[in-house]
Each structure stands twice: as structure tokens, then as C-alpha cells.
């Protein structure tokens, strides 16, 4: 998860995804731009709230996903043996972390609004749904 956010949220990747070979009318282009959702910055570029506010969503995504990956699978995997439970627990944890990170970043950010939080929650949960299978696959074989 840290690699996913670190690489796909980097300024180099987000710039590439926005400008290169990722047409808005193709499924592949849409997916590559979705991977860049928790974008983080090296410089705030005058953004209100500074560098921390600019990176709040990416930081919250990682922290919440780690917390939920630790909390969710323990009860699930204990009752249902097998890797399918681990896969879906990892995926669900990332969907929930994406939505919660977006809501908290919108409400704790420099310009909080409920409408912005709801829109961001939709984008965050959508990001988690489309990329959570990667985290679900990575969580296979882990200990609960």
C-alpha cells in the first residue's frame, strides 16, 4: 500500500497520467488516472494550509488502511479459514480507508465543506474499489 501511494501518487506519475497516453475516453486511461488519486506533493506551491494540508489525503489513506488492515481481518479470518476471506478483507479495508481518508481530509483541510467531503468520499471509495484488489492480493497469506 505504501508503494502504491508512494509511486502512483508521486508528482512524476500524476503528471504523466494527466498528460501522456491517458485519454479521457479510454478505460485504461481512466484507470491510470484513478491510480493517481491520493496525490502527494513535495512543495505546497502556495496552497492554503501548507504542505501538510496538500498531503493530508495521502497520509490519512496510508494510516487508515494500515489500521483497518490490522483490525478487520482478525475477526473475519478467525471464523472463515481460507484465503478468499483475507483477500476481501484487504480489499474492503482499502475501500473504507479511501472513503474515510477523503472525508477527513476534506473536513480537516483548509476549506472544509460538507458537499466537498461527500464528493471526495465518493472519489476515495471509488479509488479504493478500483485499486483495493491490489491490497487484497498483497494481504493473502498474512497473519491475522
C-alpha atoms as a PDB file:
ATOM      1  CA  UNK A   1       0.000   0.000   0.000  1.00  0.00           C
ATOM      2  CA  UNK A   2       2.834   2.347   0.796  1.00  0.00           C
ATOM      3  CA  UNK A   3       4.362   1.545  -2.604  1.00  0.00           C
ATOM      4  CA  UNK A   4       1.035   2.100  -4.358  1.00  0.00           C
ATOM      5  CA  UNK A   5       0.533   5.515  -2.767  1.00  0.00           C
ATOM      6  CA  UNK A   6       4.224   6.394  -2.958  1.00  0.00           C
ATOM      7  CA  UNK A   7       4.668   5.583  -6.632  1.00  0.00           C
ATOM      8  CA  UNK A   8       1.246   6.302  -8.135  1.00  0.00           C
ATOM      9  CA  UNK A   9       0.647   9.389  -6.010  1.00  0.00           C
ATOM     10  CA  UNK A  10       4.028  10.903  -6.815  1.00  0.00           C
ATOM     11  CA  UNK A  11       4.237  14.160  -8.758  1.00  0.00           C
ATOM     12  CA  UNK A  12       6.064  12.382 -11.590  1.00  0.00           C
ATOM     13  CA  UNK A  13       3.334   9.750 -12.012  1.00  0.00           C
ATOM     14  CA  UNK A  14       0.416  12.148 -11.630  1.00  0.00           C
ATOM     15  CA  UNK A  15       1.908  14.452 -14.248  1.00  0.00           C
ATOM     16  CA  UNK A  16       2.468  11.539 -16.586  1.00  0.00           C
ATOM     17  CA  UNK A  17      -1.036  10.149 -16.050  1.00  0.00           C
ATOM     18  CA  UNK A  18      -2.633  13.523 -16.709  1.00  0.00           C
ATOM     19  CA  UNK A  19      -0.667  14.329 -19.853  1.00  0.00           C
ATOM     20  CA  UNK A  20       0.538  11.150 -21.550  1.00  0.00           C
ATOM     21  CA  UNK A  21      -1.410   8.436 -23.302  1.00  0.00           C
ATOM     22  CA  UNK A  22      -4.286   8.533 -20.873  1.00  0.00           C
ATOM     23  CA  UNK A  23      -7.167   9.732 -22.965  1.00  0.00           C
ATOM     24  CA  UNK A  24     -10.345  10.538 -21.056  1.00  0.00           C
ATOM     25  CA  UNK A  25     -12.363   8.231 -23.306  1.00  0.00           C
ATOM     26  CA  UNK A  26     -10.424   5.010 -22.660  1.00  0.00           C
ATOM     27  CA  UNK A  27     -10.804   2.588 -19.778  1.00  0.00           C
ATOM     28  CA  UNK A  28      -7.048   2.203 -19.423  1.00  0.00           C
ATOM     29  CA  UNK A  29      -6.529   5.943 -19.269  1.00  0.00           C
ATOM     30  CA  UNK A  30      -9.260   6.306 -16.666  1.00  0.00           C
ATOM     31  CA  UNK A  31      -7.704   3.565 -14.529  1.00  0.00           C
ATOM     32  CA  UNK A  32      -4.211   5.077 -14.761  1.00  0.00           C
ATOM     33  CA  UNK A  33      -5.572   8.463 -13.675  1.00  0.00           C
ATOM     34  CA  UNK A  34      -7.525   6.811 -10.846  1.00  0.00           C
ATOM     35  CA  UNK A  35      -4.311   5.285  -9.509  1.00  0.00           C
ATOM     36  CA  UNK A  36      -3.016   8.827  -9.011  1.00  0.00           C
ATOM     37  CA  UNK A  37      -5.905   9.846  -6.714  1.00  0.00           C
ATOM     38  CA  UNK A  38      -4.063  10.146  -3.384  1.00  0.00           C
ATOM     39  CA  UNK A  39      -1.558  12.507  -4.970  1.00  0.00           C
ATOM     40  CA  UNK A  40       1.070  13.990  -2.704  1.00  0.00           C
ATOM     41  CA  UNK A  41       3.302  16.986  -3.263  1.00  0.00           C
ATOM     42  CA  UNK A  42       6.900  17.886  -2.487  1.00  0.00           C
ATOM     43  CA  UNK A  43       6.097  21.605  -2.486  1.00  0.00           C
ATOM     44  CA  UNK A  44       2.824  23.223  -1.421  1.00  0.00           C
ATOM     45  CA  UNK A  45       3.078  25.819  -4.227  1.00  0.00           C
ATOM     46  CA  UNK A  46       1.231  28.400  -2.173  1.00  0.00           C
ATOM     47  CA  UNK A  47      -1.669  26.077  -1.360  1.00  0.00           C
ATOM     48  CA  UNK A  48      -3.692  27.139   1.664  1.00  0.00           C
ATOM     49  CA  UNK A  49      -2.713  25.171   4.739  1.00  0.00           C
ATOM     50  CA  UNK A  50       0.792  24.404   3.538  1.00  0.00           C
ATOM     51  CA  UNK A  51       2.450  21.146   2.642  1.00  0.00           C
ATOM     52  CA  UNK A  52       0.690  19.075   5.311  1.00  0.00           C
ATOM     53  CA  UNK A  53      -2.751  20.064   4.026  1.00  0.00           C
ATOM     54  CA  UNK A  54      -1.672  19.237   0.485  1.00  0.00           C
ATOM     55  CA  UNK A  55      -0.581  15.755   1.556  1.00  0.00           C
ATOM     56  CA  UNK A  56      -3.241  15.085   4.184  1.00  0.00           C
ATOM     57  CA  UNK A  57      -5.296  12.750   1.991  1.00  0.00           C
ATOM     58  CA  UNK A  58      -2.310  10.524   1.127  1.00  0.00           C
ATOM     59  CA  UNK A  59      -1.121  10.412   4.742  1.00  0.00           C
ATOM     60  CA  UNK A  60      -4.593   9.590   6.058  1.00  0.00           C
ATOM     61  CA  UNK A  61      -5.065   6.892   3.412  1.00  0.00           C
ATOM     62  CA  UNK A  62      -1.917   5.075   4.490  1.00  0.00           C
ATOM     63  CA  UNK A  63      -2.600   5.433   8.232  1.00  0.00           C
ATOM     64  CA  UNK A  64      -6.249   4.383   7.985  1.00  0.00           C
ATOM     65  CA  UNK A  65      -5.516   1.495   5.636  1.00  0.00           C
ATOM     66  CA  UNK A  66      -2.835   0.106   7.958  1.00  0.00           C
ATOM     67  CA  UNK A  67      -5.179   0.451  10.918  1.00  0.00           C
ATOM     68  CA  UNK A  68      -8.098  -1.186   9.125  1.00  0.00           C
ATOM     69  CA  UNK A  69      -5.950  -3.965   7.679  1.00  0.00           C
ATOM     70  CA  UNK A  70      -4.886  -4.728  11.222  1.00  0.00           C
ATOM     71  CA  UNK A  71      -8.385  -4.552  12.721  1.00  0.00           C
ATOM     72  CA  UNK A  72     -10.707  -6.020  10.076  1.00  0.00           C
ATOM     73  CA  UNK A  73      -9.162  -9.345   9.084  1.00  0.00           C
ATOM     74  CA  UNK A  74      -8.605 -10.618  12.624  1.00  0.00           C
ATOM     75  CA  UNK A  75     -12.252 -11.470  13.303  1.00  0.00           C
ATOM     76  CA  UNK A  76     -13.038 -12.465   9.720  1.00  0.00           C
ATOM     77  CA  UNK A  77     -10.172 -14.849   9.126  1.00  0.00           C
ATOM     78  CA  UNK A  78     -10.545 -16.484  12.530  1.00  0.00           C
ATOM     79  CA  UNK A  79     -14.060 -17.665  11.636  1.00  0.00           C
ATOM     80  CA  UNK A  80     -13.591 -18.440   7.950  1.00  0.00           C
ATOM     81  CA  UNK A  81     -10.457 -20.345   7.052  1.00  0.00           C
ATOM     82  CA  UNK A  82      -9.075 -19.731   3.600  1.00  0.00           C
ATOM     83  CA  UNK A  83      -7.517 -17.032   1.567  1.00  0.00           C
ATOM     84  CA  UNK A  84     -10.696 -15.646  -0.017  1.00  0.00           C
ATOM     85  CA  UNK A  85     -11.631 -14.059   3.305  1.00  0.00           C
ATOM     86  CA  UNK A  86      -8.218 -12.411   3.570  1.00  0.00           C
ATOM     87  CA  UNK A  87      -8.497 -11.101   0.014  1.00  0.00           C
ATOM     88  CA  UNK A  88     -11.903  -9.496   0.545  1.00  0.00           C
ATOM     89  CA  UNK A  89     -10.958  -8.152   3.982  1.00  0.00           C
ATOM     90  CA  UNK A  90      -7.914  -6.426   2.480  1.00  0.00           C
ATOM     91  CA  UNK A  91      -9.957  -5.054  -0.402  1.00  0.00           C
ATOM     92  CA  UNK A  92     -12.746  -3.822   1.889  1.00  0.00           C
ATOM     93  CA  UNK A  93     -10.242  -2.224   4.257  1.00  0.00           C
ATOM     94  CA  UNK A  94      -8.777  -0.222   1.364  1.00  0.00           C
ATOM     95  CA  UNK A  95     -12.202   0.887   0.099  1.00  0.00           C
ATOM     96  CA  UNK A  96     -13.160   2.057   3.576  1.00  0.00           C
ATOM     97  CA  UNK A  97      -9.778   3.723   4.126  1.00  0.00           C
ATOM     98  CA  UNK A  98     -10.066   5.593   0.806  1.00  0.00           C
ATOM     99  CA  UNK A  99     -13.514   6.942   1.657  1.00  0.00           C
ATOM    100  CA  UNK A 100     -12.626   7.871   5.233  1.00  0.00           C
ATOM    101  CA  UNK A 101      -9.343   9.493   4.241  1.00  0.00           C
ATOM    102  CA  UNK A 102     -11.135  11.631   1.673  1.00  0.00           C
ATOM    103  CA  UNK A 103     -13.826  12.736   4.127  1.00  0.00           C
ATOM    104  CA  UNK A 104     -11.360  13.547   6.887  1.00  0.00           C
ATOM    105  CA  UNK A 105      -9.009  15.387   4.536  1.00  0.00           C
ATOM    106  CA  UNK A 106     -11.905  17.455   3.208  1.00  0.00           C
ATOM    107  CA  UNK A 107     -13.183  18.314   6.680  1.00  0.00           C
ATOM    108  CA  UNK A 108      -9.746  18.937   8.232  1.00  0.00           C
ATOM    109  CA  UNK A 109      -8.331  20.725   5.209  1.00  0.00           C
ATOM    110  CA  UNK A 110      -8.064  24.457   4.622  1.00  0.00           C
ATOM    111  CA  UNK A 111     -11.556  24.916   3.093  1.00  0.00           C
ATOM    112  CA  UNK A 112     -13.938  22.431   4.780  1.00  0.00           C
ATOM    113  CA  UNK A 113     -17.431  21.839   3.413  1.00  0.00           C
ATOM    114  CA  UNK A 114     -19.906  19.004   3.689  1.00  0.00           C
ATOM    115  CA  UNK A 115     -20.513  18.947  -0.067  1.00  0.00           C
ATOM    116  CA  UNK A 116     -16.773  18.713  -0.697  1.00  0.00           C
ATOM    117  CA  UNK A 117     -16.488  15.913   1.854  1.00  0.00           C
ATOM    118  CA  UNK A 118     -19.282  13.931   0.182  1.00  0.00           C
ATOM    119  CA  UNK A 119     -17.780  14.372  -3.284  1.00  0.00           C
ATOM    120  CA  UNK A 120     -14.354  13.406  -2.030  1.00  0.00           C
ATOM    121  CA  UNK A 121     -15.776  10.371  -0.205  1.00  0.00           C
ATOM    122  CA  UNK A 122     -17.224   9.154  -3.480  1.00  0.00           C
ATOM    123  CA  UNK A 123     -13.886   9.620  -5.231  1.00  0.00           C
ATOM    124  CA  UNK A 124     -11.980   7.963  -2.373  1.00  0.00           C
ATOM    125  CA  UNK A 125     -14.259   4.952  -2.151  1.00  0.00           C
ATOM    126  CA  UNK A 126     -14.153   4.623  -5.935  1.00  0.00           C
ATOM    127  CA  UNK A 127     -10.365   4.704  -5.818  1.00  0.00           C
ATOM    128  CA  UNK A 128     -10.388   2.049  -3.090  1.00  0.00           C
ATOM    129  CA  UNK A 129     -12.777  -0.140  -5.062  1.00  0.00           C
ATOM    130  CA  UNK A 130     -10.760   0.045  -8.271  1.00  0.00           C
ATOM    131  CA  UNK A 131      -7.349  -0.427  -6.633  1.00  0.00           C
ATOM    132  CA  UNK A 132      -8.210  -2.378  -3.482  1.00  0.00           C
ATOM    133  CA  UNK A 133      -7.789  -5.709  -5.253  1.00  0.00           C
ATOM    134  CA  UNK A 134      -4.048  -4.975  -5.264  1.00  0.00           C
ATOM    135  CA  UNK A 135      -4.069  -4.617  -1.485  1.00  0.00           C
ATOM    136  CA  UNK A 136      -6.343  -7.654  -1.157  1.00  0.00           C
ATOM    137  CA  UNK A 137      -3.913  -9.733  -3.172  1.00  0.00           C
ATOM    138  CA  UNK A 138      -0.957  -8.437  -1.160  1.00  0.00           C
ATOM    139  CA  UNK A 139      -2.716  -9.356   2.088  1.00  0.00           C
ATOM    140  CA  UNK A 140      -3.064 -13.018   1.105  1.00  0.00           C
ATOM    141  CA  UNK A 141      -1.144 -15.301   3.394  1.00  0.00           C
ATOM    142  CA  UNK A 142      -0.712 -12.652   6.079  1.00  0.00           C
ATOM    143  CA  UNK A 143      -1.296 -13.361   9.720  1.00  0.00           C
ATOM    144  CA  UNK A 144      -4.383 -12.000  11.387  1.00  0.00           C
END
